[in-house]
Amino acid sequence: MNFDAIIKNGIVILENEEQAVEVGIKDGKIAAIGNNLGTDAAIIDAKGTIVSPGMVDAHVHITEPGGGYRDEWEGYDTGTRAAAKGGVTTIIEMPLNQVPATVNQASIQEKYEAGEGKLSVDVASYGGLVPFNLDGGIQELDNNGVVGYKCFLATCGDRSIEGDFMNVDDYSLYEGMKQIAKTGKILSVHAENAAITDKLGEIAAKNGETSLRAYVDSRPVFTEVEPIQKIILFAKETGCRVHIVHVACEEGVDEIIKAQQEGVDITCETCTHYLYFYKEELDDIGPVVKCSPPIREQSRLEGMWHRVFDGDISFITSDHSPCTPDLKDTDNAFEAWGGIAGLQNNVDVLFDEAVQKRNMSLSQFADIIAANPAKRFNLDTKGSITVGKDADFVFIKKDAPYEVKKENLAYRNKISPYVGREINAQVVKTILRGVEIYDKEKGISDEKTGTFID
């Protein structure tokens, strides 16, 4: 067979093992895996690196269109360039913080048009479940290519902005889950008890609390666990397949595992920042590290890691949710925007923390960043280095320390809690469907190779 390119000299993570093999690429697909595939093709030298499937980041917020309200937040150009630089080849984009939110045919088409010609990586899309799209919106989104749906039990959205996202009430959740069940697709849920967390936050603010420590305390663990229990009950009633996003506590994961044992089609993810940062250091970092659910105590870190290693947490995401710097520039944690910019530092941080520090196998690493999210959301051409799949790769150089610096971030707004941290692994090359989109020496390609997956 004639190949367009052959990856040589790397350690390649296959589906169940890693091997020093070559990978032949033809027409953007993986065409062969083996030894001595030939020299009559472009040679991609992976010497000294781990060749992993490109990351499938299943939780990313791109704020385009901004509707005149959020035009300076993360756009498709900068967001997907950051993904490429970070070794992410596919993102699943959330249905908020765009204006309008992605809740029906008109809004998803507006989103597709906004991203046209701007994508450095491939983009799959979520549709929203909100109280105002129960009269046909769910079906329109299904017909327009969404891979899943997203709803909030926590308070979200700005009611002064027409078309902004909105959290569900119990009836909207129940009716929406019945409708989504008919599509066969996943409903992903932000699980926090809005009534309790909102009131505890209000009380803390009245008492003059401003610290991130106090913010974490206003969102205690049980306010995350209780809505997970509700989702499980509703899933049993409606038959809706569900996924809990960004679980931040062991107790929440344990409820999900019990439900799986009872036959509920439910999975969960956690985020890189919940496995890396901890409550006791947050005030030294500042509001740039504020998110919800909040980052919890240092004593909980290894418990979460155990659940990753045991396979109880299906995959890891960034929940990349950046904003403009002014919304983080406050001494009052309760007033700061809640969201972390982390898309560019998923692969390197996770490789360092999981593989190098905790001896995770390379095959499990590839599962939690690529194979498992691709399988859960039926991205059939993504997620593993297998003949017939898209030729999506990230080359990782191990034991290669570097400091995250503001000026090296590809985000539109160059703020991130990882700035100043030393990471002992580096992404040195990213390939999307056989095309190099990032190289450590050459930088991010200006060629817009990415497409919407629909």
Protein backbone atom coordinates (compact mmCIF):
# COMPACT_ATOMS: atom_id res chain seq x y z
CA MET A 1 0.00 0.00 0.00
CA ASN A 2 1.15 3.53 -0.74
CA PHE A 3 0.86 5.88 2.23
CA ASP A 4 0.69 9.66 2.43
CA ALA A 5 2.83 9.57 5.58
CA ILE A 6 4.32 7.10 8.03
CA ILE A 7 4.92 7.75 11.72
CA LYS A 8 8.18 6.09 12.73
CA ASN A 9 10.39 5.65 15.80
CA GLY A 10 7.82 6.38 18.51
CA ILE A 11 6.19 4.33 21.26
CA VAL A 12 2.62 4.03 20.00
CA ILE A 13 -0.34 3.59 22.37
CA LEU A 14 -2.62 1.02 20.78
CA GLU A 15 -5.99 -0.07 22.17
CA ASN A 16 -4.66 -2.41 24.86
CA GLU A 17 -0.89 -1.95 24.84
CA GLU A 18 1.95 0.22 23.65
CA GLN A 19 4.44 -0.88 21.02
CA ALA A 20 7.38 0.46 19.04
CA VAL A 21 5.50 0.24 15.74
CA GLU A 22 4.94 2.37 12.66
CA VAL A 23 1.63 3.92 11.64
CA GLY A 24 0.73 4.41 7.99
CA ILE A 25 -1.60 7.28 7.09
CA LYS A 26 -3.68 7.47 3.91
CA ASP A 27 -6.39 10.04 3.06
CA GLY A 28 -6.55 11.24 6.66
CA LYS A 29 -7.13 7.76 8.07
CA ILE A 30 -4.98 5.21 9.86
CA ALA A 31 -4.30 2.73 7.07
CA ALA A 32 -1.80 0.33 8.65
CA ILE A 33 0.01 -0.44 11.90
CA GLY A 34 3.13 -2.55 11.86
CA ASN A 35 6.85 -2.63 11.15
CA ASN A 36 8.81 -1.76 8.02
CA LEU A 37 5.88 -0.05 6.33
CA GLY A 38 8.27 1.47 3.82
CA THR A 39 10.00 4.73 3.03
CA ASP A 40 8.04 5.82 -0.03
CA ALA A 41 6.02 8.40 1.89
CA ALA A 42 6.50 11.46 4.06
CA ILE A 43 8.20 10.32 7.25
CA ILE A 44 6.99 11.75 10.55
CA ASP A 45 9.74 11.12 13.07
CA ALA A 46 8.37 10.42 16.56
CA LYS A 47 11.73 9.49 18.09
CA GLY A 48 11.83 10.02 21.84
CA THR A 49 8.07 10.53 22.17
CA ILE A 50 4.91 8.71 23.16
CA VAL A 51 2.40 8.64 20.29
CA SER A 52 -1.09 8.83 21.78
CA PRO A 53 -4.49 9.23 20.17
CA GLY A 54 -5.35 12.92 20.13
CA MET A 55 -7.38 13.98 23.13
CA VAL A 56 -11.17 14.13 22.82
CA ASP A 57 -12.04 16.89 25.29
CA ALA A 58 -15.73 16.33 25.95
CA HIS A 59 -16.34 19.56 27.88
CA VAL A 60 -15.34 22.84 26.23
CA HIS A 61 -17.04 26.24 26.16
CA ILE A 62 -16.56 28.38 23.06
CA THR A 63 -18.37 31.72 23.28
CA GLU A 64 -19.11 32.42 19.65
CA PRO A 65 -21.40 33.95 18.64
CA GLY A 66 -21.19 36.38 21.55
CA GLY A 67 -24.36 38.24 20.61
CA GLY A 68 -22.82 41.61 21.41
CA TYR A 69 -22.49 40.60 25.06
CA ARG A 70 -19.55 38.17 25.10
CA ASP A 71 -17.76 38.98 21.86
CA GLU A 72 -14.38 39.25 23.63
CA TRP A 73 -14.62 35.83 25.30
CA GLU A 74 -13.11 32.68 23.78
CA GLY A 75 -13.82 32.32 20.06
CA TYR A 76 -13.43 29.42 17.65
CA ASP A 77 -10.12 30.62 16.26
CA THR A 78 -8.30 31.01 19.57
CA GLY A 79 -10.07 28.18 21.36
CA THR A 80 -9.32 25.56 18.74
CA ARG A 81 -5.75 26.84 18.29
CA ALA A 82 -5.24 26.32 22.03
CA ALA A 83 -6.68 22.82 21.65
CA ALA A 84 -4.19 22.03 18.88
CA LYS A 85 -1.29 23.31 20.95
CA GLY A 86 -2.44 21.18 23.87
CA GLY A 87 -2.75 17.91 21.96
CA VAL A 88 -6.55 18.00 21.73
CA THR A 89 -7.82 16.98 18.29
CA THR A 90 -11.57 16.92 18.99
CA ILE A 91 -13.68 19.01 21.33
CA ILE A 92 -17.31 18.58 22.28
CA GLU A 93 -18.62 22.08 22.61
CA MET A 94 -21.16 23.05 25.26
CA PRO A 95 -24.42 24.86 24.32
CA LEU A 96 -23.60 27.90 26.49
CA ASN A 97 -22.01 30.62 26.94
CA GLN A 98 -22.88 31.67 23.39
CA VAL A 99 -25.63 34.17 22.72
CA PRO A 100 -28.00 32.78 21.66
CA ALA A 101 -27.53 29.51 23.51
CA THR A 102 -27.72 26.38 21.35
CA VAL A 103 -31.29 25.26 22.01
CA ASN A 104 -32.97 24.80 18.59
CA GLN A 105 -32.34 24.65 14.86
CA ALA A 106 -31.90 28.40 14.36
CA SER A 107 -29.32 28.75 17.14
CA ILE A 108 -27.25 25.70 16.18
CA GLN A 109 -27.12 26.85 12.57
CA GLU A 110 -26.00 30.30 13.75
CA LYS A 111 -23.27 28.59 15.75
CA TYR A 112 -22.12 26.53 12.76
CA GLU A 113 -21.96 29.66 10.64
CA ALA A 114 -19.97 31.50 13.33
CA GLY A 115 -17.31 28.79 13.32
CA GLU A 116 -17.02 28.35 9.57
CA GLY A 117 -13.39 28.56 8.43
CA LYS A 118 -12.08 29.08 11.97
CA LEU A 119 -11.52 25.53 13.28
CA SER A 120 -8.05 24.15 13.97
CA VAL A 121 -9.53 20.92 15.43
CA ASP A 122 -12.74 18.96 14.94
CA VAL A 123 -15.79 20.12 16.88
CA ALA A 124 -18.80 18.07 17.97
CA SER A 125 -21.73 19.90 19.50
CA TYR A 126 -24.01 19.66 22.50
CA GLY A 127 -27.55 20.94 22.42
CA GLY A 128 -29.16 22.47 25.47
CA LEU A 129 -32.08 21.37 27.60
CA VAL A 130 -33.78 24.49 28.97
CA PRO A 131 -37.32 25.26 30.11
CA PHE A 132 -38.02 27.14 26.87
CA ASN A 133 -37.12 24.50 24.25
CA LEU A 134 -39.48 21.66 25.18
CA ASP A 135 -41.84 22.43 22.28
CA GLY A 136 -39.75 21.00 19.43
CA GLY A 137 -36.28 22.29 20.24
CA ILE A 138 -34.96 18.93 21.45
CA GLN A 139 -36.00 17.26 18.20
CA GLU A 140 -34.56 20.07 16.06
CA LEU A 141 -31.19 19.69 17.78
CA ASP A 142 -31.27 15.94 17.22
CA ASN A 143 -31.96 16.53 13.53
CA ASN A 144 -29.06 19.00 13.33
CA GLY A 145 -26.31 16.73 14.53
CA VAL A 146 -25.83 17.18 18.28
CA VAL A 147 -24.01 14.31 19.98
CA GLY A 148 -25.72 14.93 23.31
CA TYR A 149 -27.63 17.39 25.47
CA LYS A 150 -26.65 19.48 28.48
CA CYS A 151 -28.66 20.90 31.34
CA PHE A 152 -27.92 22.73 34.58
CA LEU A 153 -29.48 22.03 37.95
CA ALA A 154 -27.31 24.86 39.35
CA THR A 155 -28.37 28.42 38.63
CA CYS A 156 -26.93 29.66 35.34
CA GLY A 157 -27.40 32.27 32.65
CA ASP A 158 -28.13 35.98 32.67
CA ARG A 159 -31.84 36.70 32.59
CA SER A 160 -31.19 40.21 31.26
CA ILE A 161 -29.80 38.68 28.05
CA GLU A 162 -32.40 37.39 25.62
CA GLY A 163 -31.55 33.88 24.47
CA ASP A 164 -29.06 33.12 27.24
CA PHE A 165 -28.93 29.65 28.77
CA MET A 166 -31.15 28.77 31.74
CA ASN A 167 -31.19 26.05 34.38
CA VAL A 168 -34.04 23.55 34.46
CA ASP A 169 -36.83 23.18 37.00
CA ASP A 170 -37.95 19.69 37.97
CA TYR A 171 -40.76 19.53 35.42
CA SER A 172 -38.53 20.72 32.56
CA LEU A 173 -35.94 18.14 33.60
CA TYR A 174 -38.52 15.34 33.66
CA GLU A 175 -40.17 16.28 30.36
CA GLY A 176 -36.82 16.96 28.70
CA MET A 177 -35.44 13.61 29.78
CA LYS A 178 -38.47 11.84 28.31
CA GLN A 179 -37.90 13.60 24.99
CA ILE A 180 -34.13 13.01 24.98
CA ALA A 181 -34.68 9.33 25.79
CA LYS A 182 -36.47 9.00 22.44
CA THR A 183 -33.37 10.28 20.61
CA GLY A 184 -31.15 7.67 22.29
CA LYS A 185 -28.57 10.35 23.04
CA ILE A 186 -26.93 11.34 26.31
CA LEU A 187 -28.12 14.06 28.70
CA SER A 188 -25.14 15.53 30.53
CA VAL A 189 -25.93 17.30 33.78
CA HIS A 190 -24.29 19.97 35.90
CA ALA A 191 -25.37 18.62 39.28
CA GLU A 192 -25.51 21.15 42.10
CA ASN A 193 -28.48 22.06 44.29
CA ALA A 194 -29.30 25.61 43.20
CA ALA A 195 -31.59 26.57 46.09
CA ILE A 196 -29.08 25.64 48.79
CA THR A 197 -25.87 26.86 47.13
CA ASP A 198 -27.46 30.17 46.09
CA LYS A 199 -28.74 30.81 49.63
CA LEU A 200 -25.49 29.77 51.33
CA GLY A 201 -23.59 32.08 48.97
CA GLU A 202 -25.97 34.92 49.74
CA ILE A 203 -25.51 34.40 53.50
CA ALA A 204 -21.74 34.26 53.19
CA ALA A 205 -21.70 37.50 51.19
CA LYS A 206 -23.91 39.23 53.77
CA ASN A 207 -21.47 38.10 56.46
CA GLY A 208 -18.64 39.80 54.61
CA GLU A 209 -16.97 36.64 53.31
CA THR A 210 -14.87 37.19 50.20
CA SER A 211 -12.35 34.32 50.14
CA LEU A 212 -12.26 31.32 47.87
CA ARG A 213 -12.17 29.15 50.98
CA ALA A 214 -15.54 30.60 51.99
CA TYR A 215 -16.84 30.12 48.46
CA VAL A 216 -15.96 26.41 48.59
CA ASP A 217 -17.66 26.12 51.97
CA SER A 218 -20.84 27.63 50.50
CA ARG A 219 -21.10 24.66 48.10
CA PRO A 220 -20.68 21.65 50.42
CA VAL A 221 -20.33 18.11 49.11
CA PHE A 222 -23.93 17.09 49.83
CA THR A 223 -25.18 19.83 47.45
CA GLU A 224 -23.41 17.94 44.68
CA VAL A 225 -24.48 14.46 45.78
CA GLU A 226 -28.21 15.20 46.24
CA PRO A 227 -28.84 16.29 42.62
CA ILE A 228 -26.88 13.29 41.35
CA GLN A 229 -29.32 11.13 43.29
CA LYS A 230 -32.21 13.03 41.69
CA ILE A 231 -30.83 12.48 38.19
CA ILE A 232 -30.49 8.77 38.90
CA LEU A 233 -34.13 8.60 40.02
CA PHE A 234 -35.31 10.55 36.96
CA ALA A 235 -33.20 8.34 34.68
CA LYS A 236 -34.87 5.23 36.11
CA GLU A 237 -38.27 6.80 35.51
CA THR A 238 -37.66 8.10 31.97
CA GLY A 239 -35.08 5.68 30.54
CA CYS A 240 -32.86 8.60 29.58
CA ARG A 241 -29.14 7.87 29.25
CA VAL A 242 -27.23 10.29 31.48
CA HIS A 243 -23.75 11.58 32.20
CA ILE A 244 -22.68 13.73 35.16
CA VAL A 245 -20.13 16.37 34.21
CA HIS A 246 -17.22 17.59 36.33
CA VAL A 247 -17.82 15.51 39.46
CA ALA A 248 -15.62 16.96 42.19
CA CYS A 249 -16.16 14.57 45.11
CA GLU A 250 -15.79 10.86 45.80
CA GLU A 251 -19.30 10.59 47.23
CA GLY A 252 -20.81 11.68 43.92
CA VAL A 253 -18.82 9.09 42.00
CA ASP A 254 -19.89 6.40 44.45
CA GLU A 255 -23.58 7.18 43.86
CA ILE A 256 -23.01 6.79 40.12
CA ILE A 257 -21.30 3.42 40.55
CA LYS A 258 -24.21 2.15 42.67
CA ALA A 259 -26.64 3.28 39.99
CA GLN A 260 -24.63 1.49 37.28
CA GLN A 261 -24.88 -1.69 39.33
CA GLU A 262 -28.65 -1.21 39.37
CA GLY A 263 -28.73 -1.04 35.58
CA VAL A 264 -28.87 2.73 35.05
CA ASP A 265 -27.08 3.93 31.89
CA ILE A 266 -24.99 6.58 33.64
CA THR A 267 -21.35 7.69 33.52
CA CYS A 268 -19.34 10.58 34.89
CA GLU A 269 -16.28 12.68 34.22
CA THR A 270 -14.02 14.77 36.36
CA CYS A 271 -11.72 17.60 35.29
CA THR A 272 -7.98 18.04 35.32
CA HIS A 273 -8.21 20.84 37.88
CA TYR A 274 -10.04 18.63 40.40
CA LEU A 275 -7.11 16.23 40.28
CA TYR A 276 -4.43 18.90 40.54
CA PHE A 277 -5.44 21.92 42.64
CA TYR A 278 -6.89 21.88 46.16
CA LYS A 279 -8.91 24.16 48.42
CA GLU A 280 -6.10 25.12 50.79
CA GLU A 281 -4.08 26.80 48.00
CA LEU A 282 -6.91 28.56 46.16
CA ASP A 283 -6.67 31.94 47.87
CA ASP A 284 -2.95 32.11 47.06
CA ILE A 285 -3.81 31.56 43.38
CA GLY A 286 -6.81 33.90 43.23
CA PRO A 287 -10.19 33.99 41.41
CA VAL A 288 -8.63 32.65 38.19
CA VAL A 289 -9.09 29.21 39.81
CA LYS A 290 -12.75 29.69 40.81
CA CYS A 291 -15.17 27.16 39.31
CA SER A 292 -18.28 25.21 40.20
CA PRO A 293 -18.54 22.67 41.64
CA PRO A 294 -15.62 24.07 43.62
CA ILE A 295 -12.18 22.56 43.94
CA ARG A 296 -12.22 20.60 47.17
CA GLU A 297 -9.81 19.75 49.99
CA GLN A 298 -6.31 18.34 49.46
CA SER A 299 -7.33 15.32 51.53
CA ARG A 300 -9.78 14.36 48.77
CA LEU A 301 -7.32 14.38 45.87
CA GLU A 302 -6.09 10.81 46.13
CA GLY A 303 -9.62 9.50 46.63
CA MET A 304 -10.55 11.02 43.28
CA TRP A 305 -7.42 9.59 41.69
CA HIS A 306 -8.30 6.13 43.04
CA ARG A 307 -11.67 6.36 41.31
CA VAL A 308 -9.97 7.34 38.06
CA PHE A 309 -7.60 4.36 38.28
CA ASP A 310 -10.47 2.01 39.18
CA GLY A 311 -12.40 3.09 36.08
CA ASP A 312 -15.25 4.57 38.12
CA ILE A 313 -14.65 7.95 36.47
CA SER A 314 -14.96 7.31 32.73
CA PHE A 315 -12.88 10.17 31.40
CA ILE A 316 -11.30 13.53 32.16
CA THR A 317 -12.10 16.90 30.59
CA SER A 318 -10.99 20.51 30.88
CA ASP A 319 -14.37 22.24 31.34
CA HIS A 320 -12.58 25.08 29.55
CA SER A 321 -14.79 28.04 30.47
CA PRO A 322 -12.81 31.26 30.13
CA CYS A 323 -13.99 34.85 30.31
CA THR A 324 -12.48 38.32 29.97
CA PRO A 325 -9.87 39.29 32.60
CA ASP A 326 -12.07 41.96 34.19
CA LEU A 327 -14.51 39.29 35.37
CA LYS A 328 -11.72 37.63 37.36
CA ASP A 329 -10.13 40.87 38.57
CA THR A 330 -11.72 41.15 41.99
CA ASP A 331 -10.82 40.40 45.58
CA ASN A 332 -14.31 39.00 46.17
CA ALA A 333 -14.50 35.34 45.20
CA PHE A 334 -18.30 35.41 45.25
CA GLU A 335 -18.37 38.12 42.57
CA ALA A 336 -15.76 36.57 40.23
CA TRP A 337 -16.76 34.60 37.14
CA GLY A 338 -16.71 30.88 37.82
CA GLY A 339 -14.74 29.11 35.13
CA ILE A 340 -11.22 27.85 34.42
CA ALA A 341 -9.17 28.14 31.24
CA GLY A 342 -7.54 24.71 30.95
CA LEU A 343 -7.91 23.40 27.40
CA GLN A 344 -4.24 23.84 26.53
CA ASN A 345 -2.94 21.97 29.59
CA ASN A 346 -5.01 18.80 29.76
CA VAL A 347 -2.66 16.35 28.10
CA ASP A 348 0.61 17.48 29.64
CA VAL A 349 -0.71 17.85 33.19
CA LEU A 350 -2.54 14.52 33.08
CA PHE A 351 0.45 12.69 31.60
CA ASP A 352 2.70 14.08 34.31
CA GLU A 353 0.28 13.50 37.18
CA ALA A 354 -1.18 10.15 36.07
CA VAL A 355 1.55 8.36 34.14
CA GLN A 356 4.76 9.81 35.54
CA LYS A 357 3.80 10.42 39.17
CA ARG A 358 1.25 7.63 39.74
CA ASN A 359 2.33 4.96 37.22
CA MET A 360 -0.86 4.81 35.20
CA SER A 361 -0.49 2.54 32.18
CA LEU A 362 -0.27 4.24 28.81
CA SER A 363 -3.32 2.35 27.57
CA GLN A 364 -5.44 3.63 30.47
CA PHE A 365 -4.14 7.14 29.88
CA ALA A 366 -5.29 6.93 26.27
CA ASP A 367 -8.66 5.59 27.43
CA ILE A 368 -9.38 8.46 29.82
CA ILE A 369 -8.38 11.19 27.39
CA ALA A 370 -9.65 9.75 24.12
CA ALA A 371 -11.21 6.30 23.78
CA ASN A 372 -13.81 6.53 26.54
CA PRO A 373 -15.33 9.92 25.61
CA ALA A 374 -15.33 8.95 21.93
CA LYS A 375 -17.24 5.75 22.74
CA ARG A 376 -19.70 7.45 25.09
CA PHE A 377 -20.68 10.05 22.50
CA ASN A 378 -20.54 7.74 19.47
CA LEU A 379 -17.65 9.52 17.78
CA ASP A 380 -16.92 6.41 15.77
CA THR A 381 -13.88 7.69 13.88
CA LYS A 382 -12.17 9.10 16.97
CA GLY A 383 -10.50 7.94 20.15
CA SER A 384 -7.92 5.27 19.36
CA ILE A 385 -5.01 4.36 17.13
CA THR A 386 -6.83 1.71 15.12
CA VAL A 387 -6.89 0.98 11.40
CA GLY A 388 -9.81 2.84 9.85
CA LYS A 389 -10.00 5.59 12.47
CA ASP A 390 -9.07 9.21 11.82
CA ALA A 391 -5.31 9.81 11.91
CA ASP A 392 -5.45 11.99 15.05
CA PHE A 393 -2.34 11.94 17.23
CA VAL A 394 -0.53 13.79 19.97
CA PHE A 395 3.21 13.24 20.47
CA ILE A 396 4.21 13.57 24.13
CA LYS A 397 7.76 14.03 25.37
CA LYS A 398 8.09 12.59 28.86
CA ASP A 399 10.36 13.91 31.61
CA ALA A 400 10.53 17.27 29.85
CA PRO A 401 9.93 20.04 32.40
CA TYR A 402 8.72 23.46 31.38
CA GLU A 403 6.97 26.40 33.03
CA VAL A 404 3.53 27.51 31.85
CA LYS A 405 3.84 31.16 30.87
CA LYS A 406 1.10 33.63 30.07
CA GLU A 407 2.62 34.63 26.74
CA ASN A 408 2.61 31.03 25.52
CA LEU A 409 -1.13 30.54 25.97
CA ALA A 410 -3.10 30.52 22.72
CA TYR A 411 -6.34 31.69 24.40
CA ARG A 412 -7.89 35.01 23.45
CA ASN A 413 -7.60 36.08 27.09
CA LYS A 414 -4.31 34.80 28.43
CA ILE A 415 -5.32 33.85 31.95
CA SER A 416 -5.09 30.40 33.52
CA PRO A 417 -4.45 28.95 36.98
CA TYR A 418 -1.68 26.82 35.46
CA VAL A 419 0.47 29.90 34.74
CA GLY A 420 3.66 29.66 36.79
CA ARG A 421 3.38 25.91 37.30
CA GLU A 422 6.11 23.53 36.15
CA ILE A 423 4.85 20.54 34.17
CA ASN A 424 7.22 17.63 33.56
CA ALA A 425 5.85 16.56 30.15
CA GLN A 426 5.36 18.38 26.87
CA VAL A 427 3.13 18.14 23.83
CA VAL A 428 5.55 18.39 20.92
CA LYS A 429 3.29 17.62 17.95
CA THR A 430 -0.43 17.34 17.17
CA ILE A 431 -1.84 15.74 14.01
CA LEU A 432 -5.47 15.96 12.87
CA ARG A 433 -6.60 13.55 10.17
CA GLY A 434 -3.03 13.21 8.97
CA VAL A 435 -2.27 16.94 8.91
CA GLU A 436 0.18 18.51 11.34
CA ILE A 437 -1.66 21.24 13.22
CA TYR A 438 0.96 21.93 15.90
CA ASP A 439 4.69 21.43 16.24
CA LYS A 440 6.74 22.63 19.18
CA GLU A 441 9.36 24.19 16.93
CA LYS A 442 7.09 25.54 14.19
CA GLY A 443 4.09 26.53 16.33
CA ILE A 444 0.38 26.26 15.56
CA SER A 445 -0.54 25.85 11.90
CA ASP A 446 -2.60 28.64 10.36
CA GLU A 447 -4.33 26.09 8.14
CA LYS A 448 -7.91 25.58 9.32
CA THR A 449 -8.17 21.80 9.06
CA GLY A 450 -10.97 21.27 11.59
CA THR A 451 -14.60 20.60 10.78
CA PHE A 452 -17.89 20.40 12.63
CA ILE A 453 -18.95 16.82 13.30
CA ASP A 454 -22.64 16.50 12.50
